[in-house]
Amino acid sequence: MKKLYINYIDSFKGLSKEIWYISLISLVNRAGTMVIPFLSLYLTKNLDFSKDDAGWILAFFGIGSVIGGWLGGKLTDIFGFYKVMIFSLLITGLSFICLQYITSFWGLCIAILIIMSIADCFRPAIYVSIKAYSTPENQTRAIGLIRLAINAGMAIGPTVAGLIIVTQGYGLLFWIDGITCIVAIIIFKYLVTPPHKEITEEKSDEPKLNKNIVYKDFTYWIFIAICFFMGMAFFQLIVTMPLYYEEIFNLNEFKIGLMWIINVGIIIVLEMPLLNFLEKKFIHVTKHILMACFLMCFSFFILYQNFWIGILIINMIIITFGEMLGFPFTNKFALNRAKKGVEGSYLALYAMAFSLSHIFSSKIGLSIVDKYGYQVNWLVTGSYGLVAILLSFWLINRVKTNQ
């Protein structure tokens, strides 16, 4: 037991104070993100939209995320990650407070599109900040620590949100979302100073034409396709799973929030030691991505049976291990692949892959559920994982050939 404790503590050593501060900000911000996990329920149950209409509204959520990912990458390359992070969190906080007063279909579509276009400028910027404040040796663990903070926030957020919804309704959640964004940016501005020379401001000896090199990097496009199909599977956890929990297994919002604790608890306890262990094994990052795709795939195929509530726990455990491998190592691949001076553009594509998958995952998933039921949706979702597995084998072979 003592050895396990020492290994756990060791997995946090060597990270810069800036990474710790950014993790703290992520914890505060994510703990306050209470509306997102319950958005599909809010739209169908509180505002009485059909599943099809809710799917369209959530599609605008994804479209805004795509725009935000692209815009955030461009702004990060121009202004640096520090200014983009401050702008994004501040405006997002104010916008979330206003969102509760919009209840019409098109009003919600437009409002969510604008909010996510601003909110997801944050993602490419924080990815580039990891590269600025970490070393190649501890980059994966730096990603892991920030993910740990995000997931710790997710343990607090949905659980408390479920309790608030049951007792107070949805209105209070929008205030909490907005205020925590603003609190997070105040903490960020006070604790984190920009590097003397931001990584995006470094001048490259390459010709100016090479600013578009990301669009000609075919290997990177294969990787982006993997991220897209991985996201197509993973986002069902956020979009259709809460409805599945309620309609098939009769779980209320508070119990749904408790389901997230399984995901978050495993990540908090195991992710950092796991990443620390895997970093020392010198296994190529693409093989970790392949395993993540396999786990995501398998986790949804086993949901095809729906007569035992324990399968929900098994599904959550498997998909959590897929998440622990998938997101840190895809992030690392993107960071390592990014060329100097255009990191924002590379990381924007990475962020946009998951944003696009959110669009299609939301709309396709809810439409399938509405017309054919949940079990068909789980078969389709597992098939996304199969496509990601095939693409991962292609990526492994291509990287091996290039080397």
Protein backbone atom coordinates (compact mmCIF):
# COMPACT_ATOMS: atom_id res chain seq x y z
CA MET A 1 0.00 0.00 0.00
CA LYS A 2 2.83 2.39 0.86
CA LYS A 3 4.52 1.66 -2.49
CA LEU A 4 1.29 2.41 -4.34
CA TYR A 5 0.99 5.69 -2.47
CA ILE A 6 4.60 6.65 -3.30
CA ASN A 7 4.09 5.79 -6.97
CA TYR A 8 0.91 7.87 -7.02
CA ILE A 9 2.71 10.89 -5.54
CA ASP A 10 5.67 10.42 -7.93
CA SER A 11 3.36 10.65 -10.91
CA PHE A 12 2.72 14.32 -10.03
CA LYS A 13 6.37 15.34 -9.64
CA GLY A 14 8.28 17.51 -12.10
CA LEU A 15 5.31 19.51 -13.40
CA SER A 16 5.60 23.30 -13.55
CA LYS A 17 3.61 25.55 -11.22
CA GLU A 18 1.84 27.02 -14.24
CA ILE A 19 0.45 23.59 -15.14
CA TRP A 20 -0.79 23.24 -11.55
CA TYR A 21 -2.44 26.67 -11.72
CA ILE A 22 -4.09 25.90 -15.07
CA SER A 23 -5.34 22.65 -13.54
CA LEU A 24 -6.84 24.61 -10.63
CA ILE A 25 -8.61 26.91 -13.08
CA SER A 26 -9.90 23.91 -15.01
CA LEU A 27 -11.20 22.40 -11.75
CA VAL A 28 -13.10 25.56 -10.81
CA ASN A 29 -14.46 26.04 -14.33
CA ARG A 30 -15.53 22.42 -14.83
CA ALA A 31 -17.10 22.15 -11.36
CA GLY A 32 -19.33 25.01 -12.42
CA THR A 33 -20.22 23.49 -15.79
CA MET A 34 -23.46 22.02 -14.57
CA VAL A 35 -25.84 22.57 -17.50
CA ILE A 36 -23.92 20.69 -20.22
CA PRO A 37 -24.32 17.09 -18.91
CA PHE A 38 -28.07 17.68 -18.51
CA LEU A 39 -28.67 19.74 -21.67
CA SER A 40 -30.51 16.98 -23.54
CA LEU A 41 -32.76 16.42 -20.49
CA TYR A 42 -33.25 20.19 -20.03
CA LEU A 43 -34.40 20.57 -23.64
CA THR A 44 -36.75 17.55 -23.69
CA LYS A 45 -38.05 17.54 -20.13
CA ASN A 46 -38.00 21.18 -19.02
CA LEU A 47 -38.66 22.96 -22.35
CA ASP A 48 -40.74 20.14 -23.91
CA PHE A 49 -38.79 19.88 -27.16
CA SER A 50 -38.95 16.61 -29.09
CA LYS A 51 -35.83 14.46 -29.29
CA ASP A 52 -35.47 15.47 -32.93
CA ASP A 53 -35.60 19.20 -32.10
CA ALA A 54 -33.21 18.67 -29.19
CA GLY A 55 -30.87 16.92 -31.62
CA TRP A 56 -30.89 19.97 -33.89
CA ILE A 57 -30.21 22.34 -30.99
CA LEU A 58 -27.32 20.15 -29.83
CA ALA A 59 -26.08 20.10 -33.43
CA PHE A 60 -25.75 23.90 -33.21
CA PHE A 61 -23.80 23.29 -29.99
CA GLY A 62 -21.36 21.27 -32.09
CA ILE A 63 -21.29 23.77 -34.99
CA GLY A 64 -20.40 26.54 -32.55
CA SER A 65 -17.71 24.28 -31.13
CA VAL A 66 -16.23 23.79 -34.62
CA ILE A 67 -16.21 27.53 -35.25
CA GLY A 68 -14.69 28.13 -31.82
CA GLY A 69 -11.97 25.54 -32.39
CA TRP A 70 -11.01 27.07 -35.74
CA LEU A 71 -11.23 30.65 -34.47
CA GLY A 72 -9.34 29.82 -31.28
CA GLY A 73 -6.49 28.29 -33.29
CA LYS A 74 -6.21 31.34 -35.54
CA LEU A 75 -6.40 33.79 -32.63
CA THR A 76 -3.85 31.77 -30.65
CA ASP A 77 -1.37 31.91 -33.55
CA ILE A 78 -1.90 35.70 -33.80
CA PHE A 79 -2.31 36.87 -30.18
CA GLY A 80 -0.97 33.96 -28.12
CA PHE A 81 -2.82 31.53 -25.88
CA TYR A 82 -2.84 33.76 -22.79
CA LYS A 83 -5.06 36.53 -24.20
CA VAL A 84 -7.37 34.04 -25.93
CA MET A 85 -7.97 32.10 -22.70
CA ILE A 86 -8.90 35.29 -20.80
CA PHE A 87 -11.23 36.53 -23.54
CA SER A 88 -12.95 33.16 -23.94
CA LEU A 89 -13.67 32.49 -20.25
CA LEU A 90 -14.90 36.00 -19.49
CA ILE A 91 -17.38 36.24 -22.38
CA THR A 92 -18.51 32.63 -21.91
CA GLY A 93 -19.36 33.31 -18.27
CA LEU A 94 -21.55 36.28 -19.12
CA SER A 95 -23.20 34.37 -21.97
CA PHE A 96 -24.18 31.38 -19.83
CA ILE A 97 -26.01 33.67 -17.40
CA CYS A 98 -28.06 35.08 -20.29
CA LEU A 99 -28.83 31.65 -21.83
CA GLN A 100 -31.47 30.76 -19.21
CA TYR A 101 -33.77 33.48 -20.51
CA ILE A 102 -33.91 32.04 -24.04
CA THR A 103 -36.51 29.31 -24.58
CA SER A 104 -37.50 29.38 -28.26
CA PHE A 105 -36.12 26.83 -30.73
CA TRP A 106 -34.28 29.25 -33.04
CA GLY A 107 -33.29 31.50 -30.14
CA LEU A 108 -31.56 28.54 -28.44
CA CYS A 109 -29.95 27.43 -31.73
CA ILE A 110 -28.43 30.88 -32.34
CA ALA A 111 -27.52 31.52 -28.68
CA ILE A 112 -25.81 28.16 -28.24
CA LEU A 113 -23.99 28.62 -31.57
CA ILE A 114 -22.58 31.97 -30.41
CA ILE A 115 -21.73 30.78 -26.88
CA MET A 116 -19.86 27.71 -28.10
CA SER A 117 -18.04 29.74 -30.78
CA ILE A 118 -16.60 31.82 -27.95
CA ALA A 119 -16.26 29.08 -25.32
CA ASP A 120 -14.32 26.69 -27.54
CA CYS A 121 -11.73 29.29 -28.48
CA PHE A 122 -10.38 28.20 -25.10
CA ARG A 123 -9.49 24.65 -26.21
CA PRO A 124 -6.72 25.27 -28.78
CA ALA A 125 -5.31 27.92 -26.45
CA ILE A 126 -5.09 25.59 -23.43
CA TYR A 127 -3.52 22.84 -25.59
CA VAL A 128 -0.80 25.26 -26.71
CA SER A 129 -0.29 26.43 -23.11
CA ILE A 130 0.54 22.82 -22.18
CA LYS A 131 3.35 22.83 -24.72
CA ALA A 132 4.61 26.16 -23.37
CA TYR A 133 4.60 25.17 -19.69
CA SER A 134 5.75 21.53 -19.91
CA THR A 135 8.67 19.52 -21.25
CA PRO A 136 8.50 16.68 -23.82
CA GLU A 137 9.26 14.23 -20.99
CA ASN A 138 6.31 15.22 -18.81
CA GLN A 139 3.89 16.46 -21.48
CA THR A 140 1.55 13.47 -21.21
CA ARG A 141 1.40 13.81 -17.42
CA ALA A 142 0.75 17.57 -17.77
CA ILE A 143 -2.21 16.73 -20.00
CA GLY A 144 -3.24 14.08 -17.47
CA LEU A 145 -3.14 16.51 -14.55
CA ILE A 146 -5.35 19.02 -16.35
CA ARG A 147 -7.73 16.19 -17.28
CA LEU A 148 -7.67 15.06 -13.65
CA ALA A 149 -8.73 18.54 -12.56
CA ILE A 150 -11.45 18.66 -15.22
CA ASN A 151 -12.78 15.28 -14.15
CA ALA A 152 -12.63 16.18 -10.46
CA GLY A 153 -14.77 19.17 -11.40
CA MET A 154 -17.07 16.83 -13.29
CA ALA A 155 -17.45 14.77 -10.10
CA ILE A 156 -18.62 17.87 -8.26
CA GLY A 157 -20.60 19.54 -11.05
CA PRO A 158 -23.09 16.93 -12.31
CA THR A 159 -23.65 15.45 -8.84
CA VAL A 160 -24.44 18.84 -7.29
CA ALA A 161 -26.35 19.82 -10.45
CA GLY A 162 -28.56 16.75 -10.19
CA LEU A 163 -29.40 17.64 -6.60
CA ILE A 164 -30.11 21.29 -7.53
CA ILE A 165 -32.37 20.24 -10.43
CA VAL A 166 -34.38 17.92 -8.20
CA THR A 167 -34.80 20.57 -5.48
CA GLN A 168 -34.57 23.96 -7.25
CA GLY A 169 -34.95 23.38 -11.00
CA TYR A 170 -32.57 24.30 -13.83
CA GLY A 171 -32.46 28.11 -13.48
CA LEU A 172 -29.79 28.27 -10.78
CA LEU A 173 -27.39 26.15 -12.87
CA PHE A 174 -26.98 28.87 -15.51
CA TRP A 175 -25.91 31.38 -12.86
CA ILE A 176 -23.40 28.92 -11.41
CA ASP A 177 -22.01 28.15 -14.90
CA GLY A 178 -21.50 31.83 -15.66
CA ILE A 179 -20.07 32.87 -12.30
CA THR A 180 -17.55 30.00 -12.17
CA CYS A 181 -16.23 30.95 -15.63
CA ILE A 182 -15.62 34.48 -14.37
CA VAL A 183 -14.06 33.24 -11.10
CA ALA A 184 -11.79 30.91 -13.10
CA ILE A 185 -10.48 33.75 -15.27
CA ILE A 186 -9.80 35.95 -12.22
CA ILE A 187 -7.74 33.10 -10.71
CA PHE A 188 -5.96 32.59 -14.04
CA LYS A 189 -5.07 36.28 -14.43
CA TYR A 190 -3.81 36.48 -10.84
CA LEU A 191 -1.76 33.25 -10.69
CA VAL A 192 -0.52 32.56 -14.23
CA THR A 193 1.85 34.95 -15.95
CA PRO A 194 2.40 34.66 -19.71
CA PRO A 195 5.77 33.20 -20.75
CA HIS A 196 8.37 35.76 -21.76
CA LYS A 197 7.99 34.63 -25.35
CA GLU A 198 4.90 32.61 -26.10
CA ILE A 199 5.45 29.50 -28.14
CA THR A 200 3.13 30.73 -30.87
CA GLU A 201 5.16 33.89 -31.27
CA GLU A 202 8.41 32.12 -32.09
CA LYS A 203 9.57 32.95 -35.58
CA SER A 204 10.20 30.06 -37.89
CA ASP A 205 12.89 29.92 -40.56
CA GLU A 206 10.36 28.23 -42.85
CA PRO A 207 8.85 30.17 -45.77
CA LYS A 208 5.55 31.89 -45.07
CA LEU A 209 3.76 29.38 -47.32
CA ASN A 210 4.36 26.71 -44.69
CA LYS A 211 1.71 28.29 -42.50
CA ASN A 212 -0.63 25.99 -44.45
CA ILE A 213 1.47 22.89 -43.85
CA VAL A 214 -1.15 21.41 -41.52
CA TYR A 215 -3.58 21.04 -44.43
CA LYS A 216 -1.01 19.04 -46.43
CA ASP A 217 -0.07 16.68 -43.60
CA PHE A 218 -1.89 13.51 -44.70
CA THR A 219 -0.75 11.49 -41.69
CA TYR A 220 -2.26 14.13 -39.44
CA TRP A 221 -5.55 13.95 -41.35
CA ILE A 222 -5.74 10.20 -40.69
CA PHE A 223 -5.23 11.00 -37.02
CA ILE A 224 -7.97 13.68 -37.18
CA ALA A 225 -10.36 11.09 -38.67
CA ILE A 226 -9.59 8.76 -35.73
CA CYS A 227 -10.38 11.57 -33.28
CA PHE A 228 -13.64 12.24 -35.12
CA PHE A 229 -14.88 8.64 -34.89
CA MET A 230 -13.65 8.32 -31.31
CA GLY A 231 -15.67 11.42 -30.48
CA MET A 232 -18.71 10.05 -32.32
CA ALA A 233 -18.70 7.17 -29.85
CA PHE A 234 -17.69 9.06 -26.71
CA PHE A 235 -20.24 11.89 -26.96
CA GLN A 236 -23.10 9.41 -26.75
CA LEU A 237 -22.14 9.30 -23.08
CA ILE A 238 -23.24 12.93 -22.79
CA VAL A 239 -26.07 13.10 -25.33
CA THR A 240 -28.11 9.86 -25.33
CA MET A 241 -26.91 8.09 -22.18
CA PRO A 242 -28.68 10.45 -19.71
CA LEU A 243 -31.94 9.85 -21.60
CA TYR A 244 -31.25 6.10 -21.62
CA TYR A 245 -30.66 6.12 -17.87
CA GLU A 246 -33.95 7.91 -17.27
CA GLU A 247 -36.26 6.22 -19.81
CA ILE A 248 -35.06 2.62 -19.63
CA PHE A 249 -33.73 2.37 -16.05
CA ASN A 250 -35.84 5.13 -14.41
CA LEU A 251 -32.90 7.04 -12.89
CA ASN A 252 -33.55 10.66 -11.88
CA GLU A 253 -31.09 13.52 -12.40
CA PHE A 254 -29.42 13.02 -9.04
CA LYS A 255 -28.80 9.32 -9.70
CA ILE A 256 -27.55 10.15 -13.21
CA GLY A 257 -25.07 12.55 -11.60
CA LEU A 258 -23.93 9.72 -9.32
CA MET A 259 -23.22 7.58 -12.41
CA TRP A 260 -20.63 10.15 -13.45
CA ILE A 261 -18.79 9.59 -10.17
CA ILE A 262 -17.76 6.13 -11.43
CA ASN A 263 -16.11 7.74 -14.45
CA VAL A 264 -14.54 10.54 -12.47
CA GLY A 265 -13.45 8.38 -9.52
CA ILE A 266 -11.52 5.99 -11.75
CA ILE A 267 -9.84 8.89 -13.53
CA ILE A 268 -8.87 10.65 -10.30
CA VAL A 269 -7.40 7.51 -8.74
CA LEU A 270 -5.83 5.79 -11.75
CA GLU A 271 -5.14 8.15 -14.65
CA MET A 272 -1.97 9.88 -13.43
CA PRO A 273 -0.26 6.66 -12.20
CA LEU A 274 -1.31 4.94 -15.43
CA LEU A 275 0.14 7.70 -17.61
CA ASN A 276 3.31 7.80 -15.48
CA PHE A 277 3.69 4.02 -15.91
CA LEU A 278 3.04 4.09 -19.66
CA GLU A 279 5.43 7.01 -20.27
CA LYS A 280 8.26 4.88 -18.87
CA LYS A 281 7.42 1.94 -21.18
CA PHE A 282 8.26 3.87 -24.37
CA ILE A 283 5.28 2.36 -26.18
CA HIS A 284 4.49 4.44 -29.26
CA VAL A 285 1.57 6.81 -28.72
CA THR A 286 -0.33 5.38 -31.72
CA LYS A 287 -0.66 2.00 -29.99
CA HIS A 288 -2.30 3.63 -27.00
CA ILE A 289 -4.73 5.34 -29.37
CA LEU A 290 -5.56 1.96 -30.96
CA MET A 291 -6.33 0.43 -27.56
CA ALA A 292 -8.51 3.42 -26.66
CA CYS A 293 -10.56 2.94 -29.83
CA PHE A 294 -11.02 -0.77 -29.04
CA LEU A 295 -12.29 -0.01 -25.52
CA MET A 296 -14.69 2.68 -26.77
CA CYS A 297 -16.03 0.26 -29.38
CA PHE A 298 -16.51 -2.62 -26.94
CA SER A 299 -18.13 -0.44 -24.26
CA PHE A 300 -21.10 0.35 -26.51
CA PHE A 301 -21.57 -3.08 -28.06
CA ILE A 302 -22.13 -4.55 -24.59
CA LEU A 303 -25.03 -2.10 -24.06
CA TYR A 304 -27.07 -4.03 -26.62
CA GLN A 305 -28.61 -5.98 -23.73
CA ASN A 306 -30.81 -3.79 -21.55
CA PHE A 307 -32.30 -6.02 -18.86
CA TRP A 308 -29.58 -5.63 -16.17
CA ILE A 309 -28.69 -2.26 -14.63
CA GLY A 310 -25.18 -3.50 -13.82
CA ILE A 311 -24.30 -3.27 -17.51
CA LEU A 312 -24.39 0.52 -17.14
CA ILE A 313 -21.58 0.31 -14.59
CA ILE A 314 -19.55 -2.08 -16.76
CA ASN A 315 -20.05 0.24 -19.75
CA MET A 316 -18.90 3.24 -17.70
CA ILE A 317 -15.77 1.46 -16.44
CA ILE A 318 -14.70 0.32 -19.93
CA ILE A 319 -15.35 3.65 -21.61
CA THR A 320 -13.46 5.41 -18.80
CA PHE A 321 -10.32 3.36 -19.49
CA GLY A 322 -10.75 4.16 -23.18
CA GLU A 323 -11.01 7.83 -22.26
CA MET A 324 -7.88 7.68 -20.04
CA LEU A 325 -5.86 6.30 -22.95
CA GLY A 326 -7.60 8.12 -25.76
CA PHE A 327 -7.63 11.77 -24.79
CA PRO A 328 -4.15 12.26 -23.23
CA PHE A 329 -2.39 10.34 -26.01
CA THR A 330 -4.31 11.86 -28.91
CA ASN A 331 -3.50 15.23 -27.35
CA LYS A 332 0.17 14.27 -27.13
CA PHE A 333 0.24 13.09 -30.76
CA ALA A 334 -1.26 16.42 -31.88
CA LEU A 335 1.23 18.44 -29.80
CA ASN A 336 4.20 16.45 -31.06
CA ARG A 337 3.02 16.64 -34.67
CA ALA A 338 2.46 20.41 -34.54
CA LYS A 339 5.08 22.45 -36.39
CA LYS A 340 6.69 25.42 -34.69
CA GLY A 341 4.83 28.65 -35.29
CA VAL A 342 1.54 27.01 -36.32
CA GLU A 343 0.73 25.08 -33.16
CA GLY A 344 -2.61 26.88 -32.92
CA SER A 345 -3.66 25.68 -36.38
CA TYR A 346 -2.68 22.08 -35.62
CA LEU A 347 -4.44 22.07 -32.27
CA ALA A 348 -7.46 23.83 -33.79
CA LEU A 349 -7.95 20.92 -36.18
CA TYR A 350 -7.65 18.54 -33.23
CA ALA A 351 -10.31 20.47 -31.30
CA MET A 352 -12.52 20.75 -34.39
CA ALA A 353 -12.45 16.97 -34.94
CA PHE A 354 -14.17 16.45 -31.59
CA SER A 355 -16.48 19.41 -32.20
CA LEU A 356 -17.62 17.97 -35.55
CA SER A 357 -18.16 14.60 -33.93
CA HIS A 358 -20.34 16.32 -31.31
CA ILE A 359 -22.54 17.73 -34.08
CA PHE A 360 -23.08 14.43 -35.87
CA SER A 361 -23.09 12.31 -32.72
CA SER A 362 -25.84 14.42 -31.18
CA LYS A 363 -28.08 14.60 -34.23
CA ILE A 364 -27.58 11.06 -35.52
CA GLY A 365 -27.77 9.50 -32.05
CA LEU A 366 -31.00 11.22 -31.01
CA SER A 367 -32.60 10.62 -34.43
CA ILE A 368 -31.77 6.89 -34.28
CA VAL A 369 -33.15 6.66 -30.74
CA ASP A 370 -36.34 8.48 -31.80
CA LYS A 371 -36.99 6.21 -34.81
CA TYR A 372 -35.37 2.85 -33.99
CA GLY A 373 -34.67 2.80 -30.26
CA TYR A 374 -31.59 2.78 -28.05
CA GLN A 375 -30.32 -0.70 -28.92
CA VAL A 376 -29.88 0.15 -32.60
CA ASN A 377 -28.06 3.31 -31.56
CA TRP A 378 -25.58 1.31 -29.47
CA LEU A 379 -24.79 -0.94 -32.46
CA VAL A 380 -24.21 2.12 -34.66
CA THR A 381 -22.09 3.76 -31.95
CA GLY A 382 -19.95 0.64 -31.55
CA SER A 383 -19.42 0.69 -35.33
CA TYR A 384 -17.84 4.14 -35.06
CA GLY A 385 -15.26 2.51 -32.80
CA LEU A 386 -14.61 -0.19 -35.43
CA VAL A 387 -13.87 2.48 -38.05
CA ALA A 388 -11.52 4.21 -35.58
CA ILE A 389 -9.72 0.89 -34.97
CA LEU A 390 -9.11 0.37 -38.72
CA LEU A 391 -7.85 3.94 -39.10
CA SER A 392 -5.55 3.45 -36.08
CA PHE A 393 -3.89 0.45 -37.76
CA TRP A 394 -3.38 2.64 -40.85
CA LEU A 395 -1.88 5.42 -38.71
CA ILE A 396 0.50 2.98 -36.96
CA ASN A 397 1.74 1.61 -40.28
CA ARG A 398 2.09 5.07 -41.84
CA VAL A 399 4.03 6.48 -38.90
CA LYS A 400 6.27 3.40 -38.89
CA THR A 401 6.91 3.79 -42.65
CA ASN A 402 7.68 7.51 -42.35
CA GLN A 403 10.14 6.88 -39.54
